[in-house]
Amino acid sequence: MDLKKHISDYFSHIDGKNYQALEAQLDAKHSFTNSITPAPLGAKEHVGMIQNLTGALTGGHTIDVIVTDGHEWVSARGRYKGKHTGEFMGVAATGKSVEFSWIDMQRVVNGKIVEEYMELNPGAIMQQIGAAPVRA
């Protein structure tokens, strides 16, 4: 399996709001650990979270770097750039621009994402939409 294509397709599915294709990439025992929810999410909850986020932020991902071990693990680092067009973490749409970096790490077995770890800074997003003070 081409892990670099796999992760590129994953973010293309998110940006294209192709949730069925996205869910097809997730294993039935998928576990998504991230910096927004207090506990890991299963496949259905993860797709639901993505649907909420793509309803709140309209834009797209740019992948800067993809690294793989050639077997099961693939990681990507990139940026998201868009606008705040819907409710995000309790904040109504502001129309403000947002841009933030992210890192995603996936373990892929038999073509399905079994484990996924994503890091991003939701506080930075809150600052950009005017819902949190900007640190000096």
N, C-alpha and C. Protein backbone atom coordinates (compact mmCIF):
# COMPACT_ATOMS: atom_id res chain seq x y z
N MET A 1 0.84 -1.18 0.00
CA MET A 1 0.00 0.00 0.00
C MET A 1 0.89 1.25 0.00
N ASP A 2 0.49 2.24 -0.76
CA ASP A 2 1.20 3.51 -0.82
C ASP A 2 0.68 4.40 0.31
N LEU A 3 1.42 4.43 1.42
CA LEU A 3 0.98 5.19 2.60
C LEU A 3 0.93 6.69 2.35
N LYS A 4 1.82 7.20 1.50
CA LYS A 4 1.80 8.64 1.21
C LYS A 4 0.52 9.02 0.46
N LYS A 5 0.12 8.18 -0.49
CA LYS A 5 -1.15 8.43 -1.20
C LYS A 5 -2.33 8.28 -0.24
N HIS A 6 -2.23 7.30 0.64
CA HIS A 6 -3.30 7.05 1.59
C HIS A 6 -3.59 8.30 2.43
N ILE A 7 -2.57 8.92 3.00
CA ILE A 7 -2.78 10.09 3.86
C ILE A 7 -3.18 11.31 3.03
N SER A 8 -2.66 11.42 1.82
CA SER A 8 -3.08 12.52 0.93
C SER A 8 -4.56 12.40 0.60
N ASP A 9 -4.99 11.19 0.28
CA ASP A 9 -6.42 10.95 0.00
C ASP A 9 -7.28 11.28 1.21
N TYR A 10 -6.80 10.92 2.38
CA TYR A 10 -7.53 11.17 3.62
C TYR A 10 -7.87 12.66 3.77
N PHE A 11 -6.87 13.53 3.59
CA PHE A 11 -7.13 14.96 3.73
C PHE A 11 -7.93 15.51 2.55
N SER A 12 -7.79 14.92 1.38
CA SER A 12 -8.64 15.31 0.24
C SER A 12 -10.10 14.97 0.52
N HIS A 13 -10.36 13.82 1.13
CA HIS A 13 -11.73 13.45 1.49
C HIS A 13 -12.31 14.44 2.50
N ILE A 14 -11.49 14.86 3.47
CA ILE A 14 -11.98 15.83 4.46
C ILE A 14 -12.33 17.14 3.75
N ASP A 15 -11.39 17.66 2.94
CA ASP A 15 -11.63 18.93 2.27
C ASP A 15 -12.80 18.87 1.30
N GLY A 16 -13.01 17.72 0.68
CA GLY A 16 -14.11 17.54 -0.26
C GLY A 16 -15.41 17.14 0.41
N LYS A 17 -15.38 17.04 1.73
CA LYS A 17 -16.55 16.62 2.52
C LYS A 17 -17.11 15.29 2.03
N ASN A 18 -16.20 14.40 1.64
CA ASN A 18 -16.57 13.07 1.18
C ASN A 18 -16.48 12.13 2.38
N TYR A 19 -17.47 12.20 3.25
CA TYR A 19 -17.44 11.48 4.52
C TYR A 19 -17.54 9.97 4.34
N GLN A 20 -18.21 9.53 3.30
CA GLN A 20 -18.33 8.09 3.05
C GLN A 20 -16.95 7.51 2.70
N ALA A 21 -16.22 8.18 1.84
CA ALA A 21 -14.87 7.72 1.48
C ALA A 21 -13.94 7.81 2.68
N LEU A 22 -14.11 8.85 3.47
CA LEU A 22 -13.30 9.01 4.68
C LEU A 22 -13.55 7.86 5.65
N GLU A 23 -14.82 7.58 5.90
CA GLU A 23 -15.16 6.50 6.82
C GLU A 23 -14.67 5.15 6.30
N ALA A 24 -14.63 4.98 4.99
CA ALA A 24 -14.13 3.73 4.40
C ALA A 24 -12.64 3.53 4.69
N GLN A 25 -11.91 4.58 4.99
CA GLN A 25 -10.50 4.47 5.31
C GLN A 25 -10.26 4.07 6.77
N LEU A 26 -11.30 4.13 7.60
CA LEU A 26 -11.15 3.87 9.03
C LEU A 26 -11.51 2.43 9.37
N ASP A 27 -10.67 1.81 10.18
CA ASP A 27 -10.91 0.45 10.66
C ASP A 27 -12.08 0.46 11.65
N ALA A 28 -12.77 -0.67 11.78
CA ALA A 28 -13.89 -0.77 12.72
C ALA A 28 -13.43 -0.49 14.16
N LYS A 29 -12.16 -0.75 14.46
CA LYS A 29 -11.62 -0.50 15.80
C LYS A 29 -10.79 0.79 15.84
N HIS A 30 -11.04 1.68 14.90
CA HIS A 30 -10.31 2.95 14.80
C HIS A 30 -10.34 3.71 16.12
N SER A 31 -9.19 4.27 16.48
CA SER A 31 -9.07 5.10 17.68
C SER A 31 -8.37 6.40 17.28
N PHE A 32 -9.06 7.53 17.53
CA PHE A 32 -8.54 8.85 17.16
C PHE A 32 -8.27 9.65 18.43
N THR A 33 -7.00 9.90 18.70
CA THR A 33 -6.58 10.71 19.83
C THR A 33 -6.19 12.08 19.30
N ASN A 34 -6.72 13.14 19.94
CA ASN A 34 -6.50 14.49 19.41
C ASN A 34 -6.45 15.50 20.55
N SER A 35 -6.16 16.74 20.19
CA SER A 35 -6.00 17.79 21.19
C SER A 35 -7.29 18.57 21.45
N ILE A 36 -8.42 18.12 20.95
CA ILE A 36 -9.68 18.82 21.17
C ILE A 36 -10.60 18.04 22.11
N THR A 37 -10.69 16.73 21.94
CA THR A 37 -11.59 15.94 22.78
C THR A 37 -10.82 15.32 23.96
N PRO A 38 -11.49 15.14 25.10
CA PRO A 38 -10.79 14.62 26.28
C PRO A 38 -10.42 13.14 26.20
N ALA A 39 -11.11 12.38 25.36
CA ALA A 39 -10.85 10.95 25.23
C ALA A 39 -10.77 10.58 23.75
N PRO A 40 -10.09 9.47 23.43
CA PRO A 40 -10.05 9.03 22.03
C PRO A 40 -11.46 8.78 21.48
N LEU A 41 -11.61 8.98 20.18
CA LEU A 41 -12.89 8.76 19.50
C LEU A 41 -12.83 7.51 18.64
N GLY A 42 -13.98 6.83 18.51
CA GLY A 42 -14.11 5.73 17.57
C GLY A 42 -14.38 6.29 16.17
N ALA A 43 -14.52 5.41 15.21
CA ALA A 43 -14.68 5.81 13.80
C ALA A 43 -15.88 6.74 13.59
N LYS A 44 -17.06 6.35 14.07
CA LYS A 44 -18.27 7.15 13.85
C LYS A 44 -18.15 8.52 14.51
N GLU A 45 -17.64 8.55 15.74
CA GLU A 45 -17.47 9.82 16.44
C GLU A 45 -16.44 10.70 15.76
N HIS A 46 -15.39 10.08 15.24
CA HIS A 46 -14.36 10.84 14.55
C HIS A 46 -14.93 11.49 13.29
N VAL A 47 -15.66 10.74 12.50
CA VAL A 47 -16.26 11.32 11.29
C VAL A 47 -17.26 12.42 11.68
N GLY A 48 -18.01 12.21 12.74
CA GLY A 48 -18.94 13.24 13.21
C GLY A 48 -18.20 14.52 13.61
N MET A 49 -17.06 14.37 14.27
CA MET A 49 -16.26 15.53 14.64
C MET A 49 -15.77 16.26 13.40
N ILE A 50 -15.33 15.52 12.41
CA ILE A 50 -14.86 16.13 11.15
C ILE A 50 -16.00 16.86 10.47
N GLN A 51 -17.19 16.28 10.47
CA GLN A 51 -18.34 16.95 9.89
C GLN A 51 -18.63 18.27 10.60
N ASN A 52 -18.54 18.27 11.92
CA ASN A 52 -18.75 19.52 12.67
C ASN A 52 -17.67 20.55 12.33
N LEU A 53 -16.42 20.10 12.25
CA LEU A 53 -15.33 21.03 11.95
C LEU A 53 -15.44 21.60 10.54
N THR A 54 -15.78 20.75 9.57
CA THR A 54 -15.89 21.26 8.20
C THR A 54 -17.13 22.13 8.03
N GLY A 55 -18.09 22.03 8.95
CA GLY A 55 -19.23 22.94 8.97
C GLY A 55 -18.87 24.28 9.60
N ALA A 56 -17.86 24.26 10.47
CA ALA A 56 -17.45 25.47 11.18
C ALA A 56 -16.34 26.23 10.45
N LEU A 57 -15.46 25.48 9.79
CA LEU A 57 -14.31 26.08 9.11
C LEU A 57 -14.34 25.66 7.64
N THR A 58 -14.40 26.62 6.76
CA THR A 58 -14.44 26.35 5.33
C THR A 58 -13.09 26.71 4.73
N GLY A 59 -12.43 25.73 4.17
CA GLY A 59 -11.09 25.95 3.60
C GLY A 59 -10.47 24.64 3.21
N GLY A 60 -9.15 24.53 3.38
CA GLY A 60 -8.49 23.30 2.98
C GLY A 60 -7.14 23.10 3.63
N HIS A 61 -6.70 21.85 3.54
CA HIS A 61 -5.43 21.42 4.09
C HIS A 61 -4.34 21.48 3.03
N THR A 62 -3.17 21.87 3.44
CA THR A 62 -1.97 21.77 2.62
C THR A 62 -1.00 20.88 3.37
N ILE A 63 -0.51 19.85 2.73
CA ILE A 63 0.46 18.96 3.35
C ILE A 63 1.85 19.43 2.94
N ASP A 64 2.69 19.69 3.94
CA ASP A 64 4.07 20.13 3.70
C ASP A 64 5.04 18.96 3.65
N VAL A 65 4.86 17.99 4.54
CA VAL A 65 5.79 16.87 4.65
C VAL A 65 5.00 15.60 4.97
N ILE A 66 5.38 14.50 4.33
CA ILE A 66 4.85 13.18 4.67
C ILE A 66 6.04 12.27 4.94
N VAL A 67 5.97 11.55 6.07
CA VAL A 67 7.03 10.62 6.45
C VAL A 67 6.37 9.28 6.75
N THR A 68 6.98 8.20 6.29
CA THR A 68 6.44 6.86 6.54
C THR A 68 7.56 5.90 6.91
N ASP A 69 7.20 4.87 7.69
CA ASP A 69 8.18 3.83 8.00
C ASP A 69 8.18 2.76 6.91
N GLY A 70 7.29 2.89 5.92
CA GLY A 70 7.22 1.93 4.82
C GLY A 70 6.43 0.68 5.14
N HIS A 71 5.88 0.59 6.35
CA HIS A 71 5.14 -0.61 6.74
C HIS A 71 3.72 -0.28 7.18
N GLU A 72 3.60 0.39 8.35
CA GLU A 72 2.28 0.68 8.91
C GLU A 72 2.07 2.14 9.27
N TRP A 73 3.13 2.86 9.56
CA TRP A 73 3.00 4.22 10.09
C TRP A 73 3.25 5.27 9.02
N VAL A 74 2.40 6.30 9.04
CA VAL A 74 2.57 7.45 8.15
C VAL A 74 2.21 8.71 8.93
N SER A 75 3.01 9.73 8.75
CA SER A 75 2.77 11.01 9.41
C SER A 75 2.81 12.13 8.40
N ALA A 76 2.02 13.15 8.66
CA ALA A 76 2.02 14.33 7.80
C ALA A 76 2.01 15.57 8.68
N ARG A 77 2.68 16.60 8.19
CA ARG A 77 2.65 17.92 8.83
C ARG A 77 2.17 18.90 7.79
N GLY A 78 1.27 19.77 8.19
CA GLY A 78 0.76 20.72 7.21
C GLY A 78 0.08 21.90 7.86
N ARG A 79 -0.70 22.60 7.03
CA ARG A 79 -1.42 23.80 7.47
C ARG A 79 -2.87 23.71 6.97
N TYR A 80 -3.72 24.34 7.72
CA TYR A 80 -5.10 24.51 7.30
C TYR A 80 -5.33 26.00 7.16
N LYS A 81 -5.97 26.38 6.08
CA LYS A 81 -6.26 27.80 5.84
C LYS A 81 -7.72 27.89 5.39
N GLY A 82 -8.47 28.77 6.04
CA GLY A 82 -9.87 28.92 5.67
C GLY A 82 -10.53 30.06 6.40
N LYS A 83 -11.87 29.96 6.52
CA LYS A 83 -12.67 30.97 7.19
C LYS A 83 -13.57 30.30 8.22
N HIS A 84 -13.92 31.07 9.24
CA HIS A 84 -14.82 30.61 10.29
C HIS A 84 -16.25 30.89 9.81
N THR A 85 -16.91 29.85 9.29
CA THR A 85 -18.21 30.02 8.65
C THR A 85 -19.37 29.36 9.40
N GLY A 86 -19.08 28.72 10.53
CA GLY A 86 -20.12 28.07 11.32
C GLY A 86 -19.67 27.99 12.76
N GLU A 87 -20.52 27.48 13.63
CA GLU A 87 -20.20 27.43 15.05
C GLU A 87 -18.96 26.57 15.30
N PHE A 88 -18.00 27.13 16.01
CA PHE A 88 -16.78 26.41 16.39
C PHE A 88 -16.61 26.53 17.90
N MET A 89 -16.68 25.40 18.59
CA MET A 89 -16.49 25.34 20.04
C MET A 89 -17.37 26.38 20.76
N GLY A 90 -18.62 26.48 20.31
CA GLY A 90 -19.58 27.38 20.94
C GLY A 90 -19.56 28.81 20.44
N VAL A 91 -18.69 29.11 19.48
CA VAL A 91 -18.58 30.47 18.95
C VAL A 91 -19.26 30.53 17.58
N ALA A 92 -20.25 31.39 17.44
CA ALA A 92 -20.96 31.55 16.17
C ALA A 92 -20.01 32.04 15.08
N ALA A 93 -20.36 31.77 13.83
CA ALA A 93 -19.53 32.17 12.69
C ALA A 93 -19.17 33.64 12.73
N THR A 94 -17.91 33.94 12.47
CA THR A 94 -17.44 35.33 12.45
C THR A 94 -17.01 35.77 11.05
N GLY A 95 -16.79 34.81 10.15
CA GLY A 95 -16.28 35.13 8.82
C GLY A 95 -14.80 35.45 8.81
N LYS A 96 -14.14 35.36 9.97
CA LYS A 96 -12.72 35.68 10.05
C LYS A 96 -11.88 34.55 9.46
N SER A 97 -10.72 34.94 8.93
CA SER A 97 -9.77 33.98 8.39
C SER A 97 -9.08 33.23 9.52
N VAL A 98 -8.81 31.96 9.28
CA VAL A 98 -8.06 31.14 10.23
C VAL A 98 -6.95 30.42 9.46
N GLU A 99 -5.85 30.24 10.15
CA GLU A 99 -4.74 29.46 9.59
C GLU A 99 -3.98 28.85 10.76
N PHE A 100 -3.77 27.54 10.70
CA PHE A 100 -3.06 26.88 11.79
C PHE A 100 -2.32 25.67 11.23
N SER A 101 -1.30 25.27 11.98
CA SER A 101 -0.53 24.08 11.60
C SER A 101 -1.09 22.86 12.33
N TRP A 102 -0.79 21.70 11.81
CA TRP A 102 -1.23 20.44 12.41
C TRP A 102 -0.21 19.35 12.09
N ILE A 103 -0.25 18.30 12.89
CA ILE A 103 0.55 17.09 12.66
C ILE A 103 -0.38 15.91 12.86
N ASP A 104 -0.37 14.97 11.92
CA ASP A 104 -1.23 13.79 11.99
C ASP A 104 -0.37 12.55 11.81
N MET A 105 -0.60 11.56 12.66
CA MET A 105 0.15 10.31 12.61
C MET A 105 -0.85 9.16 12.58
N GLN A 106 -0.69 8.26 11.62
CA GLN A 106 -1.65 7.17 11.45
C GLN A 106 -0.93 5.82 11.38
N ARG A 107 -1.57 4.80 11.97
CA ARG A 107 -1.11 3.42 11.78
C ARG A 107 -2.15 2.74 10.90
N VAL A 108 -1.69 2.29 9.74
CA VAL A 108 -2.57 1.73 8.72
C VAL A 108 -2.29 0.23 8.60
N VAL A 109 -3.33 -0.58 8.79
CA VAL A 109 -3.22 -2.03 8.69
C VAL A 109 -4.27 -2.51 7.70
N ASN A 110 -3.83 -3.27 6.70
CA ASN A 110 -4.73 -3.78 5.66
C ASN A 110 -5.55 -2.66 5.03
N GLY A 111 -4.91 -1.51 4.81
CA GLY A 111 -5.55 -0.39 4.12
C GLY A 111 -6.49 0.45 4.97
N LYS A 112 -6.57 0.17 6.27
CA LYS A 112 -7.48 0.90 7.16
C LYS A 112 -6.70 1.55 8.30
N ILE A 113 -7.14 2.74 8.70
CA ILE A 113 -6.50 3.45 9.80
C ILE A 113 -7.01 2.86 11.12
N VAL A 114 -6.08 2.23 11.85
CA VAL A 114 -6.42 1.62 13.12
C VAL A 114 -6.22 2.62 14.26
N GLU A 115 -5.10 3.32 14.23
CA GLU A 115 -4.80 4.33 15.24
C GLU A 115 -4.47 5.64 14.53
N GLU A 116 -4.88 6.74 15.16
CA GLU A 116 -4.55 8.06 14.60
C GLU A 116 -4.35 9.04 15.75
N TYR A 117 -3.34 9.87 15.60
CA TYR A 117 -3.00 10.88 16.59
C TYR A 117 -2.85 12.21 15.87
N MET A 118 -3.63 13.22 16.29
CA MET A 118 -3.54 14.53 15.65
C MET A 118 -3.27 15.60 16.70
N GLU A 119 -2.35 16.48 16.35
CA GLU A 119 -2.04 17.62 17.20
C GLU A 119 -2.30 18.91 16.41
N LEU A 120 -3.05 19.78 17.03
CA LEU A 120 -3.27 21.13 16.53
C LEU A 120 -3.54 22.00 17.75
N ASN A 121 -3.61 23.30 17.57
CA ASN A 121 -3.77 24.20 18.69
C ASN A 121 -5.13 24.90 18.59
N PRO A 122 -6.17 24.35 19.25
CA PRO A 122 -7.48 24.99 19.17
C PRO A 122 -7.49 26.39 19.78
N GLY A 123 -6.58 26.65 20.73
CA GLY A 123 -6.49 27.99 21.31
C GLY A 123 -6.11 29.03 20.28
N ALA A 124 -5.23 28.66 19.36
CA ALA A 124 -4.83 29.58 18.29
C ALA A 124 -6.02 29.91 17.39
N ILE A 125 -6.85 28.91 17.13
CA ILE A 125 -8.05 29.14 16.31
C ILE A 125 -8.98 30.09 17.05
N MET A 126 -9.18 29.86 18.35
CA MET A 126 -10.05 30.72 19.15
C MET A 126 -9.53 32.17 19.15
N GLN A 127 -8.23 32.36 19.20
CA GLN A 127 -7.66 33.71 19.13
C GLN A 127 -7.97 34.35 17.78
N GLN A 128 -7.82 33.58 16.71
CA GLN A 128 -8.03 34.14 15.36
C GLN A 128 -9.47 34.53 15.10
N ILE A 129 -10.41 33.84 15.75
CA ILE A 129 -11.83 34.19 15.54
C ILE A 129 -12.32 35.19 16.59
N GLY A 130 -11.40 35.65 17.44
CA GLY A 130 -11.73 36.69 18.41
C GLY A 130 -12.38 36.17 19.68
N ALA A 131 -12.31 34.86 19.94
CA ALA A 131 -12.96 34.29 21.12
C ALA A 131 -12.01 34.10 22.29
N ALA A 132 -10.74 34.41 22.11
CA ALA A 132 -9.74 34.31 23.18
C ALA A 132 -8.72 35.42 22.99
N PRO A 133 -8.18 35.91 24.08
CA PRO A 133 -7.20 36.99 23.95
C PRO A 133 -5.92 36.50 23.27
N VAL A 134 -5.31 37.39 22.52
CA VAL A 134 -4.04 37.09 21.87
C VAL A 134 -2.93 37.37 22.85
N ARG A 135 -2.07 36.38 23.05
CA ARG A 135 -0.94 36.56 23.97
C ARG A 135 0.12 37.45 23.33
N ALA A 136 0.69 38.30 24.17
CA ALA A 136 1.76 39.21 23.68
C ALA A 136 3.09 38.50 23.68
